[in-house]
Amino acid sequence: MTTGRKSTDCVQHWEVDYLNEVFTPLTFQERIQQLYQYFCEEDVMMTTSYGTKSVFMLYWISQLRPSQKVHFLDTTYHFPETLQYKDQLVDRFKTDLVVLTPEPEKNRRSLNESWWQTNTPRCCYTNKIQPLEPVKAAHKVWMSGLMSYQTEFRSGLKIFEKQGNMLKFHPIIDLDEGEFLYYMDLYELPRHPLENMGFGSIGCTHCTEVGSGREGRWKSSEKTECGLHPDFFLNKKK
């Protein structure tokens, strides 16, 4: 098992154009492996929602970098099926999972005052964005499983993008839906239990409905993203 090097031993190239030039010809598996030739494991942050697409990156990290920590935001609003799925995948992949939670008093207020209805941005900020801020500040690279076929906007993203003081790393951004499904079947990766009920994308219970792709997220509003990637996403449907 490969482990991260000390920060003083890492190359840490920050030039986005250079990194994209180097990583574009590689397979997504090679990209994940190569990342740790440029950045220390301790400087790499990976997050997961345990949604319908999460298993893909979780599987490959377990194969290529099993010591990589993975962060999960427990908003307290997840479907029970999502939490069961989380436990199933943690057990299967032996994930080194770090669970993040919102500030308890603010979280209670969001429930008592139904912020998901009265102030959706505040609800997302309190329960998702704010708990992740200290973690982001402690890392240099954010590894994400975004894929270009998912939305029009995501189709414009590159493997590396600059976001504030961090680099966003999208190793599977150019994986098309056919390839994604092929690998899902090839490695018999378990599906989220709600996917067979018509949920194409799954987040918090109050803001998730049945729908293809991301159509079921914040269905009654123009919002399409929770705000974890604020410099990239416009909160309107594409």
Protein backbone atom coordinates (compact mmCIF):
# COMPACT_ATOMS: atom_id res chain seq x y z
CA MET A 1 0.00 0.00 0.00
CA THR A 2 1.36 3.39 -1.02
CA THR A 3 1.39 6.14 1.57
CA GLY A 4 1.63 9.91 1.24
CA ARG A 5 4.98 11.60 1.47
CA LYS A 6 5.88 14.45 3.77
CA SER A 7 5.00 17.89 2.45
CA THR A 8 8.68 18.78 2.08
CA ASP A 9 9.13 15.83 -0.31
CA CYS A 10 6.27 16.75 -2.64
CA VAL A 11 6.73 18.41 -6.01
CA GLN A 12 3.44 20.35 -5.76
CA HIS A 13 3.04 21.80 -9.24
CA TRP A 14 0.33 24.47 -9.20
CA GLU A 15 0.36 25.54 -12.83
CA VAL A 16 -3.08 24.50 -14.07
CA ASP A 17 -2.25 24.54 -17.78
CA TYR A 18 0.82 22.40 -17.19
CA LEU A 19 -1.11 19.88 -15.11
CA ASN A 20 -3.89 19.63 -17.68
CA GLU A 21 -1.33 19.06 -20.43
CA VAL A 22 0.31 16.25 -18.47
CA PHE A 23 -2.89 14.58 -17.25
CA THR A 24 -5.15 14.82 -20.31
CA PRO A 25 -3.58 11.89 -22.26
CA LEU A 26 -3.77 9.59 -19.23
CA THR A 27 -6.53 7.17 -18.30
CA PHE A 28 -8.53 8.14 -15.24
CA GLN A 29 -6.78 5.39 -13.28
CA GLU A 30 -3.38 6.79 -14.28
CA ARG A 31 -4.52 10.29 -13.37
CA ILE A 32 -5.40 9.24 -9.84
CA GLN A 33 -2.06 7.49 -9.43
CA GLN A 34 -0.12 10.37 -10.98
CA LEU A 35 -1.74 12.94 -8.70
CA TYR A 36 0.31 11.64 -5.79
CA GLN A 37 3.52 12.19 -7.74
CA TYR A 38 2.70 15.90 -7.65
CA PHE A 39 0.91 16.31 -4.32
CA CYS A 40 1.15 14.67 -0.92
CA GLU A 41 -1.73 12.51 0.18
CA GLU A 42 -2.14 14.73 3.24
CA ASP A 43 -2.77 17.68 0.91
CA VAL A 44 -5.48 15.90 -1.09
CA MET A 45 -9.10 16.17 0.02
CA MET A 46 -11.74 13.79 -1.30
CA THR A 47 -15.45 14.13 -0.55
CA THR A 48 -18.39 11.84 -1.21
CA SER A 49 -22.16 12.17 -0.86
CA TYR A 50 -22.95 8.44 -1.17
CA GLY A 51 -25.27 9.36 -4.00
CA THR A 52 -26.00 7.40 -7.16
CA LYS A 53 -22.57 8.00 -8.74
CA SER A 54 -20.39 7.99 -5.62
CA VAL A 55 -19.51 4.31 -5.65
CA PHE A 56 -17.41 4.72 -8.79
CA MET A 57 -14.74 6.96 -7.28
CA LEU A 58 -14.91 5.17 -3.94
CA TYR A 59 -14.12 1.89 -5.67
CA TRP A 60 -11.18 3.26 -7.64
CA ILE A 61 -9.70 5.04 -4.64
CA SER A 62 -9.91 1.78 -2.70
CA GLN A 63 -7.93 0.11 -5.48
CA LEU A 64 -5.42 2.83 -6.29
CA ARG A 65 -4.98 4.78 -3.04
CA PRO A 66 -6.66 2.93 -0.17
CA SER A 67 -5.04 5.12 2.48
CA GLN A 68 -6.72 8.27 1.12
CA LYS A 69 -9.14 9.77 3.63
CA VAL A 70 -12.66 10.45 2.37
CA HIS A 71 -14.92 13.15 3.87
CA PHE A 72 -18.68 12.76 4.18
CA LEU A 73 -21.07 15.55 5.20
CA ASP A 74 -23.78 14.19 7.49
CA THR A 75 -26.33 16.97 7.17
CA THR A 76 -28.82 15.02 9.37
CA TYR A 77 -31.19 15.16 6.38
CA HIS A 78 -29.98 12.13 4.45
CA PHE A 79 -32.35 9.36 3.43
CA PRO A 80 -32.06 6.29 5.68
CA GLU A 81 -31.20 4.35 2.53
CA THR A 82 -28.22 6.66 1.93
CA LEU A 83 -26.85 6.01 5.40
CA GLN A 84 -27.32 2.26 4.94
CA TYR A 85 -25.56 2.50 1.58
CA LYS A 86 -22.72 4.42 3.23
CA ASP A 87 -22.23 1.68 5.79
CA GLN A 88 -22.33 -0.97 3.06
CA LEU A 89 -19.66 0.75 0.97
CA VAL A 90 -17.42 1.61 3.93
CA ASP A 91 -17.44 -2.06 4.89
CA ARG A 92 -16.80 -3.23 1.33
CA PHE A 93 -14.04 -0.77 0.43
CA LYS A 94 -12.57 -0.29 3.93
CA THR A 95 -12.82 3.46 3.44
CA ASP A 96 -10.98 5.71 5.88
CA LEU A 97 -14.10 7.85 6.33
CA VAL A 98 -14.18 11.21 8.10
CA VAL A 99 -17.73 12.28 8.99
CA LEU A 100 -18.40 16.02 9.16
CA THR A 101 -21.46 17.48 10.88
CA PRO A 102 -23.02 20.96 11.03
CA GLU A 103 -23.04 23.13 14.14
CA PRO A 104 -25.81 21.54 16.29
CA GLU A 105 -27.74 24.68 17.23
CA LYS A 106 -27.85 26.00 13.66
CA ASN A 107 -28.80 22.58 12.41
CA ARG A 108 -31.72 22.46 14.86
CA ARG A 109 -32.84 25.89 13.70
CA SER A 110 -32.76 24.77 10.10
CA LEU A 111 -35.11 21.94 11.07
CA ASN A 112 -37.43 23.93 13.31
CA GLU A 113 -37.72 26.80 10.83
CA SER A 114 -37.80 24.63 7.69
CA TRP A 115 -34.95 26.49 6.04
CA TRP A 116 -35.10 24.17 3.01
CA GLN A 117 -38.39 25.91 2.23
CA THR A 118 -37.87 29.41 3.60
CA ASN A 119 -34.16 29.96 2.89
CA THR A 120 -32.61 27.20 0.79
CA PRO A 121 -29.18 28.88 0.35
CA ARG A 122 -28.89 29.32 4.12
CA CYS A 123 -29.84 25.69 4.69
CA CYS A 124 -27.17 24.46 2.27
CA TYR A 125 -24.57 26.85 3.67
CA THR A 126 -25.19 25.85 7.29
CA ASN A 127 -25.43 22.11 6.78
CA LYS A 128 -23.02 21.53 3.88
CA ILE A 129 -20.74 24.41 3.03
CA GLN A 130 -19.75 25.71 6.47
CA PRO A 131 -18.74 22.33 7.98
CA LEU A 132 -16.38 21.74 5.06
CA GLU A 133 -14.59 25.10 5.21
CA PRO A 134 -11.97 24.13 7.85
CA VAL A 135 -11.20 20.94 5.93
CA LYS A 136 -10.74 22.84 2.66
CA ALA A 137 -8.39 25.26 4.39
CA ALA A 138 -6.16 22.36 5.42
CA HIS A 139 -5.79 20.91 1.91
CA LYS A 140 -4.43 21.98 -1.47
CA VAL A 141 -6.29 19.69 -3.89
CA TRP A 142 -9.95 18.68 -3.93
CA MET A 143 -10.62 15.43 -5.78
CA SER A 144 -14.13 15.23 -7.24
CA GLY A 145 -16.04 12.68 -9.32
CA LEU A 146 -17.77 15.17 -11.62
CA MET A 147 -18.42 13.95 -15.18
CA SER A 148 -19.00 16.13 -18.21
CA TYR A 149 -22.09 14.26 -19.43
CA GLN A 150 -24.04 15.11 -16.27
CA THR A 151 -24.83 18.76 -17.08
CA GLU A 152 -24.11 21.32 -19.76
CA PHE A 153 -21.96 23.33 -17.41
CA ARG A 154 -19.89 20.36 -16.25
CA SER A 155 -19.13 19.59 -19.89
CA GLY A 156 -16.92 22.69 -19.90
CA LEU A 157 -14.73 21.67 -16.95
CA LYS A 158 -11.16 20.45 -17.33
CA ILE A 159 -9.25 17.88 -15.30
CA PHE A 160 -7.74 20.63 -13.17
CA GLU A 161 -9.47 23.90 -12.31
CA LYS A 162 -8.44 26.62 -9.89
CA GLN A 163 -10.92 27.39 -7.12
CA GLY A 164 -9.76 30.02 -4.67
CA ASN A 165 -6.68 28.67 -2.91
CA MET A 166 -7.37 25.10 -4.00
CA LEU A 167 -7.07 23.04 -7.15
CA LYS A 168 -10.10 21.02 -8.19
CA PHE A 169 -9.11 17.63 -9.62
CA HIS A 170 -11.64 15.87 -11.88
CA PRO A 171 -10.03 12.57 -12.93
CA ILE A 172 -13.19 11.17 -14.56
CA ILE A 173 -14.50 14.40 -16.08
CA ASP A 174 -14.23 13.03 -19.65
CA LEU A 175 -15.74 9.63 -18.87
CA ASP A 176 -18.92 9.27 -20.91
CA GLU A 177 -22.07 7.65 -19.59
CA GLY A 178 -21.51 4.45 -21.55
CA GLU A 179 -18.04 3.98 -20.07
CA PHE A 180 -19.35 4.76 -16.60
CA LEU A 181 -22.07 2.12 -16.88
CA TYR A 182 -19.63 -0.37 -18.39
CA TYR A 183 -17.32 -0.15 -15.38
CA MET A 184 -20.26 -0.24 -12.97
CA ASP A 185 -21.35 -3.56 -14.48
CA LEU A 186 -17.84 -4.95 -15.00
CA TYR A 187 -16.90 -4.57 -11.34
CA GLU A 188 -20.43 -5.28 -10.08
CA LEU A 189 -20.51 -2.07 -8.09
CA PRO A 190 -23.58 -1.83 -5.85
CA ARG A 191 -26.20 0.77 -6.75
CA HIS A 192 -27.84 3.19 -4.35
CA PRO A 193 -31.07 1.46 -3.19
CA LEU A 194 -33.21 4.43 -4.26
CA GLU A 195 -31.90 4.44 -7.83
CA ASN A 196 -34.26 1.64 -8.86
CA MET A 197 -37.14 3.77 -7.57
CA GLY A 198 -36.39 6.50 -10.11
CA PHE A 199 -34.02 8.75 -8.18
CA GLY A 200 -31.30 9.84 -10.61
CA SER A 201 -29.52 12.06 -8.09
CA ILE A 202 -29.85 11.90 -4.33
CA GLY A 203 -29.17 14.51 -1.67
CA CYS A 204 -31.14 15.64 1.38
CA THR A 205 -34.66 14.28 1.82
CA HIS A 206 -36.44 17.64 1.60
CA CYS A 207 -34.78 18.66 -1.66
CA THR A 208 -34.73 15.37 -3.56
CA GLU A 209 -37.51 13.92 -5.70
CA VAL A 210 -37.78 11.26 -8.37
CA GLY A 211 -36.25 12.46 -11.63
CA SER A 212 -33.77 11.65 -14.37
CA GLY A 213 -30.21 12.84 -13.79
CA ARG A 214 -30.32 15.93 -11.58
CA GLU A 215 -33.90 16.85 -12.50
CA GLY A 216 -35.15 15.72 -9.10
CA ARG A 217 -32.88 18.06 -7.12
CA TRP A 218 -34.47 21.31 -5.86
CA LYS A 219 -37.23 20.59 -8.37
CA SER A 220 -39.42 23.54 -7.42
CA SER A 221 -36.62 26.12 -7.70
CA GLU A 222 -33.94 27.34 -10.09
CA LYS A 223 -31.24 25.89 -7.83
CA THR A 224 -29.21 22.98 -9.21
CA GLU A 225 -26.18 22.81 -6.90
CA CYS A 226 -25.79 22.90 -3.12
CA GLY A 227 -22.94 25.42 -3.32
CA LEU A 228 -19.99 23.24 -2.37
CA HIS A 229 -18.33 24.34 -5.61
CA PRO A 230 -19.34 28.04 -5.58
CA ASP A 231 -16.85 29.32 -8.15
CA PHE A 232 -18.01 26.81 -10.73
CA PHE A 233 -21.76 26.46 -10.52
CA LEU A 234 -24.55 28.88 -11.28
CA ASN A 235 -27.66 28.20 -9.21
CA LYS A 236 -29.94 27.94 -12.19
CA LYS A 237 -30.95 25.09 -14.40
CA LYS A 238 -29.00 24.68 -17.60
